[in-house]
Structure formats: structure tokens, C-alpha cells
PDB file of N, CA and C in Angstrom:
ATOM      1  N   MET A   1     -42.692 -23.614 -43.587  1.00  0.00           N
ATOM      2  CA  MET A   1     -41.349 -24.175 -43.695  1.00  0.00           C
ATOM      3  C   MET A   1     -40.832 -24.467 -42.289  1.00  0.00           C
ATOM      4  N   PRO A   2     -40.096 -25.529 -42.150  1.00  0.00           N
ATOM      5  CA  PRO A   2     -39.551 -25.849 -40.820  1.00  0.00           C
ATOM      6  C   PRO A   2     -38.448 -24.865 -40.435  1.00  0.00           C
ATOM      7  N   TYR A   3     -38.211 -24.772 -39.156  1.00  0.00           N
ATOM      8  CA  TYR A   3     -37.137 -23.921 -38.659  1.00  0.00           C
ATOM      9  C   TYR A   3     -35.808 -24.622 -38.901  1.00  0.00           C
ATOM     10  N   VAL A   4     -34.813 -23.832 -39.303  1.00  0.00           N
ATOM     11  CA  VAL A   4     -33.509 -24.396 -39.635  1.00  0.00           C
ATOM     12  C   VAL A   4     -32.417 -23.700 -38.839  1.00  0.00           C
ATOM     13  N   SER A   5     -31.249 -24.316 -38.832  1.00  0.00           N
ATOM     14  CA  SER A   5     -30.092 -23.755 -38.133  1.00  0.00           C
ATOM     15  C   SER A   5     -29.569 -22.525 -38.875  1.00  0.00           C
ATOM     16  N   THR A   6     -28.672 -21.815 -38.239  1.00  0.00           N
ATOM     17  CA  THR A   6     -28.064 -20.638 -38.864  1.00  0.00           C
ATOM     18  C   THR A   6     -27.317 -21.026 -40.135  1.00  0.00           C
ATOM     19  N   GLY A   7     -26.585 -22.130 -40.099  1.00  0.00           N
ATOM     20  CA  GLY A   7     -25.855 -22.573 -41.285  1.00  0.00           C
ATOM     21  C   GLY A   7     -26.777 -22.902 -42.442  1.00  0.00           C
ATOM     22  N   GLU A   8     -27.862 -23.610 -42.152  1.00  0.00           N
ATOM     23  CA  GLU A   8     -28.820 -23.970 -43.200  1.00  0.00           C
ATOM     24  C   GLU A   8     -29.505 -22.725 -43.756  1.00  0.00           C
ATOM     25  N   ALA A   9     -29.864 -21.797 -42.875  1.00  0.00           N
ATOM     26  CA  ALA A   9     -30.499 -20.554 -43.320  1.00  0.00           C
ATOM     27  C   ALA A   9     -29.539 -19.745 -44.181  1.00  0.00           C
ATOM     28  N   ALA A  10     -28.293 -19.648 -43.754  1.00  0.00           N
ATOM     29  CA  ALA A  10     -27.299 -18.888 -44.517  1.00  0.00           C
ATOM     30  C   ALA A  10     -27.133 -19.472 -45.918  1.00  0.00           C
ATOM     31  N   ARG A  11     -27.024 -20.786 -46.016  1.00  0.00           N
ATOM     32  CA  ARG A  11     -26.890 -21.439 -47.328  1.00  0.00           C
ATOM     33  C   ARG A  11     -28.110 -21.149 -48.200  1.00  0.00           C
ATOM     34  N   ALA A  12     -29.292 -21.264 -47.628  1.00  0.00           N
ATOM     35  CA  ALA A  12     -30.521 -21.034 -48.391  1.00  0.00           C
ATOM     36  C   ALA A  12     -30.633 -19.586 -48.864  1.00  0.00           C
ATOM     37  N   LEU A  13     -30.093 -18.660 -48.073  1.00  0.00           N
ATOM     38  CA  LEU A  13     -30.176 -17.239 -48.403  1.00  0.00           C
ATOM     39  C   LEU A  13     -28.995 -16.752 -49.235  1.00  0.00           C
ATOM     40  N   GLY A  14     -27.963 -17.581 -49.359  1.00  0.00           N
ATOM     41  CA  GLY A  14     -26.792 -17.191 -50.131  1.00  0.00           C
ATOM     42  C   GLY A  14     -25.906 -16.175 -49.436  1.00  0.00           C
ATOM     43  N   VAL A  15     -25.884 -16.231 -48.109  1.00  0.00           N
ATOM     44  CA  VAL A  15     -25.026 -15.342 -47.314  1.00  0.00           C
ATOM     45  C   VAL A  15     -24.187 -16.202 -46.376  1.00  0.00           C
ATOM     46  N   SER A  16     -23.224 -15.583 -45.735  1.00  0.00           N
ATOM     47  CA  SER A  16     -22.401 -16.336 -44.789  1.00  0.00           C
ATOM     48  C   SER A  16     -23.118 -16.467 -43.447  1.00  0.00           C
ATOM     49  N   MET A  17     -22.727 -17.488 -42.706  1.00  0.00           N
ATOM     50  CA  MET A  17     -23.263 -17.644 -41.345  1.00  0.00           C
ATOM     51  C   MET A  17     -22.937 -16.406 -40.524  1.00  0.00           C
ATOM     52  N   ARG A  18     -21.727 -15.910 -40.681  1.00  0.00           N
ATOM     53  CA  ARG A  18     -21.282 -14.747 -39.916  1.00  0.00           C
ATOM     54  C   ARG A  18     -22.160 -13.534 -40.209  1.00  0.00           C
ATOM     55  N   SER A  19     -22.544 -13.336 -41.465  1.00  0.00           N
ATOM     56  CA  SER A  19     -23.427 -12.215 -41.809  1.00  0.00           C
ATOM     57  C   SER A  19     -24.760 -12.348 -41.090  1.00  0.00           C
ATOM     58  N   LEU A  20     -25.338 -13.524 -41.145  1.00  0.00           N
ATOM     59  CA  LEU A  20     -26.626 -13.752 -40.496  1.00  0.00           C
ATOM     60  C   LEU A  20     -26.523 -13.512 -38.994  1.00  0.00           C
ATOM     61  N   GLN A  21     -25.463 -14.021 -38.389  1.00  0.00           N
ATOM     62  CA  GLN A  21     -25.254 -13.821 -36.950  1.00  0.00           C
ATOM     63  C   GLN A  21     -25.062 -12.344 -36.622  1.00  0.00           C
ATOM     64  N   GLN A  22     -24.299 -11.635 -37.445  1.00  0.00           N
ATOM     65  CA  GLN A  22     -24.045 -10.215 -37.190  1.00  0.00           C
ATOM     66  C   GLN A  22     -25.316  -9.396 -37.362  1.00  0.00           C
ATOM     67  N   TRP A  23     -26.099  -9.696 -38.391  1.00  0.00           N
ATOM     68  CA  TRP A  23     -27.348  -8.971 -38.600  1.00  0.00           C
ATOM     69  C   TRP A  23     -28.291  -9.174 -37.423  1.00  0.00           C
ATOM     70  N   ALA A  24     -28.306 -10.383 -36.879  1.00  0.00           N
ATOM     71  CA  ALA A  24     -29.138 -10.645 -35.698  1.00  0.00           C
ATOM     72  C   ALA A  24     -28.604  -9.864 -34.500  1.00  0.00           C
ATOM     73  N   LYS A  25     -27.300  -9.861 -34.332  1.00  0.00           N
ATOM     74  CA  LYS A  25     -26.683  -9.121 -33.222  1.00  0.00           C
ATOM     75  C   LYS A  25     -26.981  -7.629 -33.335  1.00  0.00           C
ATOM     76  N   ASP A  26     -26.959  -7.107 -34.562  1.00  0.00           N
ATOM     77  CA  ASP A  26     -27.208  -5.684 -34.802  1.00  0.00           C
ATOM     78  C   ASP A  26     -28.695  -5.328 -34.767  1.00  0.00           C
ATOM     79  N   GLY A  27     -29.560  -6.333 -34.676  1.00  0.00           N
ATOM     80  CA  GLY A  27     -30.995  -6.082 -34.613  1.00  0.00           C
ATOM     81  C   GLY A  27     -31.664  -5.876 -35.960  1.00  0.00           C
ATOM     82  N   LEU A  28     -30.963  -6.179 -37.047  1.00  0.00           N
ATOM     83  CA  LEU A  28     -31.555  -6.017 -38.373  1.00  0.00           C
ATOM     84  C   LEU A  28     -32.573  -7.107 -38.676  1.00  0.00           C
ATOM     85  N   ILE A  29     -32.331  -8.294 -38.136  1.00  0.00           N
ATOM     86  CA  ILE A  29     -33.262  -9.411 -38.254  1.00  0.00           C
ATOM     87  C   ILE A  29     -33.275 -10.133 -36.911  1.00  0.00           C
ATOM     88  N   GLU A  30     -34.305 -10.924 -36.708  1.00  0.00           N
ATOM     89  CA  GLU A  30     -34.425 -11.680 -35.458  1.00  0.00           C
ATOM     90  C   GLU A  30     -34.626 -13.152 -35.781  1.00  0.00           C
ATOM     91  N   PRO A  31     -33.968 -14.034 -35.045  1.00  0.00           N
ATOM     92  CA  PRO A  31     -34.270 -15.455 -35.227  1.00  0.00           C
ATOM     93  C   PRO A  31     -35.691 -15.722 -34.745  1.00  0.00           C
ATOM     94  N   ASP A  32     -36.286 -16.780 -35.237  1.00  0.00           N
ATOM     95  CA  ASP A  32     -37.639 -17.122 -34.796  1.00  0.00           C
ATOM     96  C   ASP A  32     -37.645 -17.584 -33.349  1.00  0.00           C
ATOM     97  N   PHE A  33     -36.584 -18.264 -32.954  1.00  0.00           N
ATOM     98  CA  PHE A  33     -36.419 -18.631 -31.547  1.00  0.00           C
ATOM     99  C   PHE A  33     -35.003 -19.123 -31.334  1.00  0.00           C
ATOM    100  N   ARG A  34     -34.657 -19.316 -30.092  1.00  0.00           N
ATOM    101  CA  ARG A  34     -33.357 -19.884 -29.723  1.00  0.00           C
ATOM    102  C   ARG A  34     -33.609 -21.186 -28.971  1.00  0.00           C
ATOM    103  N   THR A  35     -32.747 -22.141 -29.218  1.00  0.00           N
ATOM    104  CA  THR A  35     -32.858 -23.413 -28.513  1.00  0.00           C
ATOM    105  C   THR A  35     -32.426 -23.222 -27.062  1.00  0.00           C
ATOM    106  N   VAL A  36     -32.639 -24.236 -26.257  1.00  0.00           N
ATOM    107  CA  VAL A  36     -32.204 -24.197 -24.862  1.00  0.00           C
ATOM    108  C   VAL A  36     -30.707 -23.916 -24.790  1.00  0.00           C
ATOM    109  N   GLY A  37     -29.958 -24.415 -25.758  1.00  0.00           N
ATOM    110  CA  GLY A  37     -28.514 -24.194 -25.803  1.00  0.00           C
ATOM    111  C   GLY A  37     -28.111 -22.843 -26.382  1.00  0.00           C
ATOM    112  N   GLY A  38     -29.092 -22.026 -26.790  1.00  0.00           N
ATOM    113  CA  GLY A  38     -28.807 -20.691 -27.308  1.00  0.00           C
ATOM    114  C   GLY A  38     -28.626 -20.598 -28.812  1.00  0.00           C
ATOM    115  N   HIS A  39     -28.839 -21.698 -29.520  1.00  0.00           N
ATOM    116  CA  HIS A  39     -28.678 -21.687 -30.974  1.00  0.00           C
ATOM    117  C   HIS A  39     -29.906 -21.071 -31.640  1.00  0.00           C
ATOM    118  N   MET A  40     -29.656 -20.240 -32.647  1.00  0.00           N
ATOM    119  CA  MET A  40     -30.749 -19.574 -33.348  1.00  0.00           C
ATOM    120  C   MET A  40     -31.401 -20.524 -34.351  1.00  0.00           C
ATOM    121  N   ARG A  41     -32.702 -20.394 -34.476  1.00  0.00           N
ATOM    122  CA  ARG A  41     -33.468 -21.149 -35.465  1.00  0.00           C
ATOM    123  C   ARG A  41     -34.259 -20.155 -36.304  1.00  0.00           C
ATOM    124  N   TRP A  42     -34.335 -20.454 -37.594  1.00  0.00           N
ATOM    125  CA  TRP A  42     -34.856 -19.503 -38.565  1.00  0.00           C
ATOM    126  C   TRP A  42     -35.917 -20.112 -39.468  1.00  0.00           C
ATOM    127  N   ASP A  43     -36.903 -19.306 -39.833  1.00  0.00           N
ATOM    128  CA  ASP A  43     -37.827 -19.613 -40.922  1.00  0.00           C
ATOM    129  C   ASP A  43     -37.266 -18.858 -42.128  1.00  0.00           C
ATOM    130  N   VAL A  44     -36.679 -19.576 -43.061  1.00  0.00           N
ATOM    131  CA  VAL A  44     -35.952 -18.957 -44.170  1.00  0.00           C
ATOM    132  C   VAL A  44     -36.838 -18.006 -44.974  1.00  0.00           C
ATOM    133  N   GLU A  45     -38.060 -18.391 -45.253  1.00  0.00           N
ATOM    134  CA  GLU A  45     -38.933 -17.531 -46.067  1.00  0.00           C
ATOM    135  C   GLU A  45     -39.246 -16.222 -45.343  1.00  0.00           C
ATOM    136  N   ARG A  46     -39.445 -16.277 -44.043  1.00  0.00           N
ATOM    137  CA  ARG A  46     -39.704 -15.054 -43.278  1.00  0.00           C
ATOM    138  C   ARG A  46     -38.479 -14.155 -43.295  1.00  0.00           C
ATOM    139  N   VAL A  47     -37.306 -14.746 -43.088  1.00  0.00           N
ATOM    140  CA  VAL A  47     -36.069 -13.962 -43.075  1.00  0.00           C
ATOM    141  C   VAL A  47     -35.825 -13.347 -44.448  1.00  0.00           C
ATOM    142  N   ARG A  48     -36.054 -14.119 -45.498  1.00  0.00           N
ATOM    143  CA  ARG A  48     -35.871 -13.597 -46.862  1.00  0.00           C
ATOM    144  C   ARG A  48     -36.769 -12.382 -47.084  1.00  0.00           C
ATOM    145  N   ALA A  49     -38.017 -12.474 -46.684  1.00  0.00           N
ATOM    146  CA  ALA A  49     -38.945 -11.350 -46.843  1.00  0.00           C
ATOM    147  C   ALA A  49     -38.504 -10.153 -46.003  1.00  0.00           C
ATOM    148  N   GLU A  50     -38.043 -10.415 -44.794  1.00  0.00           N
ATOM    149  CA  GLU A  50     -37.590  -9.338 -43.911  1.00  0.00           C
ATOM    150  C   GLU A  50     -36.353  -8.644 -44.479  1.00  0.00           C
ATOM    151  N   LEU A  51     -35.418  -9.415 -45.007  1.00  0.00           N
ATOM    152  CA  LEU A  51     -34.216  -8.824 -45.608  1.00  0.00           C
ATOM    153  C   LEU A  51     -34.575  -7.982 -46.826  1.00  0.00           C
ATOM    154  N   ARG A  52     -35.485  -8.469 -47.645  1.00  0.00           N
ATOM    155  CA  ARG A  52     -35.921  -7.687 -48.816  1.00  0.00           C
ATOM    156  C   ARG A  52     -36.552  -6.372 -48.383  1.00  0.00           C
ATOM    157  N   ALA A  53     -37.391  -6.426 -47.369  1.00  0.00           N
ATOM    158  CA  ALA A  53     -38.033  -5.203 -46.877  1.00  0.00           C
ATOM    159  C   ALA A  53     -36.993  -4.231 -46.329  1.00  0.00           C
ATOM    160  N   ASN A  54     -36.016  -4.748 -45.590  1.00  0.00           N
ATOM    161  CA  ASN A  54     -34.962  -3.889 -45.045  1.00  0.00           C
ATOM    162  C   ASN A  54     -34.139  -3.260 -46.164  1.00  0.00           C
ATOM    163  N   LEU A  55     -33.814  -4.035 -47.188  1.00  0.00           N
ATOM    164  CA  LEU A  55     -33.043  -3.499 -48.313  1.00  0.00           C
ATOM    165  C   LEU A  55     -33.825  -2.424 -49.053  1.00  0.00           C
ATOM    166  N   ARG A  56     -35.123  -2.642 -49.243  1.00  0.00           N
ATOM    167  CA  ARG A  56     -35.960  -1.629 -49.893  1.00  0.00           C
ATOM    168  C   ARG A  56     -35.968  -0.342 -49.083  1.00  0.00           C
ATOM    169  N   ALA A  57     -36.124  -0.480 -47.777  1.00  0.00           N
ATOM    170  CA  ALA A  57     -36.159   0.699 -46.908  1.00  0.00           C
ATOM    171  C   ALA A  57     -34.834   1.455 -46.963  1.00  0.00           C
ATOM    172  N   MET A  58     -33.712   0.724 -46.960  1.00  0.00           N
ATOM    173  CA  MET A  58     -32.405   1.383 -47.037  1.00  0.00           C
ATOM    174  C   MET A  58     -32.222   2.071 -48.390  1.00  0.00           C
ATOM    175  N   ARG A  59     -32.658   1.419 -49.459  1.00  0.00           N
ATOM    176  CA  ARG A  59     -32.546   2.006 -50.793  1.00  0.00           C
ATOM    177  C   ARG A  59     -33.406   3.263 -50.895  1.00  0.00           C
ATOM    178  N   ASP A  60     -34.629   3.194 -50.371  1.00  0.00           N
ATOM    179  CA  ASP A  60     -35.512   4.357 -50.397  1.00  0.00           C
ATOM    180  C   ASP A  60     -34.926   5.513 -49.595  1.00  0.00           C
ATOM    181  N   ALA A  61     -34.339   5.204 -48.447  1.00  0.00           N
ATOM    182  CA  ALA A  61     -33.729   6.245 -47.620  1.00  0.00           C
ATOM    183  C   ALA A  61     -32.537   6.869 -48.334  1.00  0.00           C
ATOM    184  N   ALA A  62     -31.741   6.050 -49.006  1.00  0.00           N
ATOM    185  CA  ALA A  62     -30.580   6.568 -49.735  1.00  0.00           C
ATOM    186  C   ALA A  62     -31.023   7.460 -50.890  1.00  0.00           C
ATOM    187  N   GLU A  63     -32.069   7.059 -51.583  1.00  0.00           N
ATOM    188  CA  GLU A  63     -32.577   7.867 -52.696  1.00  0.00           C
ATOM    189  C   GLU A  63     -33.162   9.176 -52.196  1.00  0.00           C
ATOM    190  N   ALA A  64     -33.775   9.164 -51.031  1.00  0.00           N
ATOM    191  CA  ALA A  64     -34.347  10.386 -50.461  1.00  0.00           C
ATOM    192  C   ALA A  64     -33.254  11.372 -50.068  1.00  0.00           C
ATOM    193  N   ASP A  65     -32.077  10.852 -49.728  1.00  0.00           N
ATOM    194  CA  ASP A  65     -30.957  11.712 -49.333  1.00  0.00           C
ATOM    195  C   ASP A  65     -30.265  12.352 -50.531  1.00  0.00           C
ATOM    196  N   GLU A  66     -30.518  11.852 -51.724  1.00  0.00           N
ATOM    197  CA  GLU A  66     -29.832  12.376 -52.918  1.00  0.00           C
ATOM    198  C   GLU A  66     -30.374  13.704 -53.342  1.00  0.00           C
TER     199      GLU A  66
END
């Protein structure tokens, strides 16, 4: 899949641009690269898989704490 802008990735993932930007800032996900101007570019399928893995890990950790 081609690399897309933060807005396009957010729409494809069903989240807000701000969420995607914040998750990147917090280190939960990483953009595939940044343009010379500093704009993030994303492979939506990779990000989707990474978010699913992160959610599974958080769910497993929460269940282990119960």
C-alpha cells in the first residue's frame, strides 16, 4: 500500500488525526517516515496491525491484573 498522510491514515483507520498524532508522540506507533517538511507518512495496513497488537497487549495486561 502506498504511504499516506496523517489525515488519510486517520480516515482509513476510523480515528481522529489528533489521536494518530498523539499516539505517535507518545511512542505507541511510529510513522513510516517523515517528509522533508516534517509531515508523517503512514502505511495504513502496518499501522492497523500495530494498533491491534498494542490493544491485545493492553487487554492481556489488564486481564492479568484482575
